[in-house]
Protein backbone atom coordinates (compact mmCIF):
# COMPACT_ATOMS: atom_id res chain seq x y z
CA MET A 1 9.27 68.41 11.03
CA SER A 2 10.01 66.86 7.66
CA LEU A 3 12.76 64.31 7.22
CA LYS A 4 14.80 66.77 5.17
CA ASP A 5 14.51 69.37 7.96
CA LYS A 6 15.60 66.77 10.52
CA ILE A 7 18.66 65.89 8.45
CA THR A 8 19.52 69.59 8.10
CA GLN A 9 19.15 70.09 11.87
CA ASP A 10 21.32 67.05 12.55
CA MET A 11 23.97 68.49 10.22
CA LYS A 12 24.05 71.65 12.33
CA ASP A 13 24.26 69.59 15.52
CA ALA A 14 27.11 67.47 14.13
CA LEU A 15 28.92 70.64 13.06
CA ARG A 16 28.61 72.14 16.55
CA ALA A 17 29.69 68.86 18.18
CA GLY A 18 32.70 68.51 15.86
CA ASP A 19 31.55 65.04 14.75
CA LYS A 20 33.36 65.09 11.39
CA PRO A 21 32.56 61.53 10.21
CA ARG A 22 28.81 61.98 10.85
CA LEU A 23 28.87 65.49 9.39
CA SER A 24 30.48 64.19 6.21
CA VAL A 25 27.79 61.54 5.68
CA ILE A 26 24.96 63.97 6.43
CA ARG A 27 26.39 66.42 3.91
CA LEU A 28 26.49 63.64 1.31
CA MET A 29 22.85 62.87 2.06
CA LEU A 30 21.80 66.50 1.74
CA ALA A 31 23.78 66.85 -1.49
CA ALA A 32 22.00 63.81 -2.98
CA ILE A 33 18.62 65.21 -1.92
CA LYS A 34 19.42 68.64 -3.34
CA GLN A 35 20.70 67.10 -6.60
CA ARG A 36 17.43 65.24 -7.07
CA GLU A 37 15.45 68.41 -6.31
CA VAL A 38 17.44 70.39 -8.87
CA ASP A 39 17.25 67.66 -11.51
CA GLU A 40 13.49 67.25 -11.17
CA ARG A 41 12.75 70.90 -10.27
CA ILE A 42 10.65 69.91 -7.26
CA ILE A 43 10.84 69.94 -3.48
CA LEU A 44 11.12 66.35 -2.24
CA ASP A 45 8.58 65.07 0.26
CA ASP A 46 9.47 62.50 2.92
CA THR A 47 8.67 59.56 0.63
CA ARG A 48 11.05 60.77 -2.06
CA VAL A 49 13.74 61.62 0.51
CA LEU A 50 13.44 58.03 1.76
CA ALA A 51 13.90 56.81 -1.81
CA VAL A 52 17.10 58.86 -2.12
CA LEU A 53 18.42 57.52 1.19
CA ASP A 54 17.45 53.98 0.22
CA LYS A 55 19.43 54.34 -3.01
CA MET A 56 22.45 55.63 -1.08
CA LEU A 57 22.18 52.68 1.29
CA LYS A 58 22.06 50.23 -1.63
CA GLN A 59 25.14 51.83 -3.19
CA ARG A 60 27.08 51.51 0.04
CA ARG A 61 26.08 47.88 0.54
CA GLU A 62 27.31 47.09 -2.96
CA SER A 63 30.54 48.96 -2.24
CA VAL A 64 31.09 46.97 0.96
CA THR A 65 30.79 43.75 -1.05
CA GLN A 66 33.25 44.96 -3.67
CA TYR A 67 35.76 46.30 -1.13
CA ALA A 68 35.59 43.07 0.86
CA LYS A 69 36.37 41.09 -2.30
CA GLY A 70 39.29 43.42 -2.96
CA GLY A 71 40.64 43.04 0.56
CA ARG A 72 40.21 46.74 1.44
CA GLN A 73 39.07 46.50 5.05
CA ASP A 74 39.67 50.23 5.62
CA LEU A 75 37.11 51.09 2.94
CA VAL A 76 34.72 48.41 4.20
CA ASP A 77 34.83 50.03 7.64
CA GLN A 78 34.21 53.50 6.19
CA GLU A 79 31.24 52.36 4.10
CA THR A 80 29.81 50.41 7.04
CA ALA A 81 29.99 53.54 9.21
CA GLU A 82 28.18 55.51 6.49
CA ILE A 83 25.49 52.80 6.33
CA GLY A 84 24.98 53.18 10.08
CA VAL A 85 24.42 56.94 9.80
CA ILE A 86 22.03 56.64 6.83
CA GLN A 87 19.99 53.92 8.55
CA THR A 88 19.22 56.24 11.47
CA TYR A 89 16.97 58.23 9.13
CA LEU A 90 15.12 55.25 7.70
CA PRO A 91 12.07 53.67 9.35
CA ALA A 92 12.52 50.47 11.35
CA GLN A 93 13.27 47.45 9.18
CA LEU A 94 10.47 44.96 8.60
CA ALA A 95 10.65 41.58 10.31
CA ASP A 96 10.81 38.54 8.00
CA ALA A 97 7.32 37.38 8.96
CA GLU A 98 5.85 40.85 8.39
CA LEU A 99 7.58 41.10 5.00
CA ASP A 100 6.32 37.65 3.96
CA SER A 101 2.81 38.69 4.95
CA LEU A 102 3.00 41.88 2.85
CA ILE A 103 4.32 39.90 -0.13
CA ALA A 104 1.51 37.34 0.18
CA GLU A 105 -1.08 40.15 0.31
CA ALA A 106 0.42 41.84 -2.75
CA ILE A 107 0.50 38.59 -4.72
CA LYS A 108 -3.15 37.95 -3.86
CA ALA A 109 -4.22 41.55 -4.63
CA SER A 110 -2.44 41.61 -7.99
CA GLY A 111 -3.56 38.13 -8.99
CA ALA A 112 0.04 37.20 -9.81
CA VAL A 113 0.53 33.59 -10.80
CA SER A 114 3.97 33.51 -12.42
CA ILE A 115 7.30 35.31 -12.49
CA LYS A 116 5.95 37.38 -15.41
CA ASP A 117 3.63 39.13 -12.95
CA MET A 118 6.47 40.20 -10.67
CA GLY A 119 6.25 43.85 -11.79
CA LYS A 120 2.66 44.08 -10.57
CA VAL A 121 3.62 42.72 -7.16
CA MET A 122 6.66 45.02 -6.86
CA GLY A 123 4.48 47.99 -7.81
CA LEU A 124 2.09 47.25 -4.96
CA LEU A 125 4.86 46.61 -2.44
CA LYS A 126 7.30 49.40 -3.22
CA SER A 127 5.48 52.17 -1.37
CA LYS A 128 4.84 49.92 1.64
CA VAL A 129 8.39 48.67 2.11
CA GLN A 130 10.46 51.61 0.78
CA GLY A 131 13.27 52.22 3.25
CA ARG A 132 12.04 49.42 5.51
CA ALA A 133 13.50 46.49 3.56
CA ASP A 134 16.23 45.85 1.01
CA MET A 135 14.37 45.85 -2.31
CA GLY A 136 16.82 43.27 -3.72
CA ALA A 137 15.90 40.87 -0.93
CA VAL A 138 12.20 41.62 -1.44
CA SER A 139 12.58 40.86 -5.14
CA ALA A 140 14.28 37.54 -4.37
CA ARG A 141 11.48 36.56 -1.96
CA ILE A 142 8.81 37.41 -4.53
CA LYS A 143 10.61 35.32 -7.17
CA ALA A 144 10.80 32.40 -4.73
CA LYS A 145 7.07 32.60 -3.99
CA LEU A 146 6.06 32.94 -7.64
CA ASP A 147 8.37 30.14 -8.79
CA GLY A 148 7.32 27.79 -6.01
């Protein structure tokens, strides 16, 4: 069963169970997936669905930061709940040691020596860590390794 099919099935289950908060988030996810399919005129595979979900997760994390700065705890709670639902469809997050190991391998494979080579390293890592790590944090770790 593809990831998209699983999300669709979970939407039906949430609808039957009357779980309105979860149903709302799942519908947002399916709408984002469908929008990308319509825009690009393709059917998304699991990798591209993960990319869509990863983008949604990033947007919500940024929103949480902004709402917290604005003192809107109600909206922080809502976004945090949405993050929890979206994360259930993403693969398990990478441990710090595992992520550092992947970064070191990518730096070695690309022959990167300075911050100018960061694009090469990110290109090698993106498919391996998509949905399994925050790409902003990965970027920061790569910068730290290439600067140091």
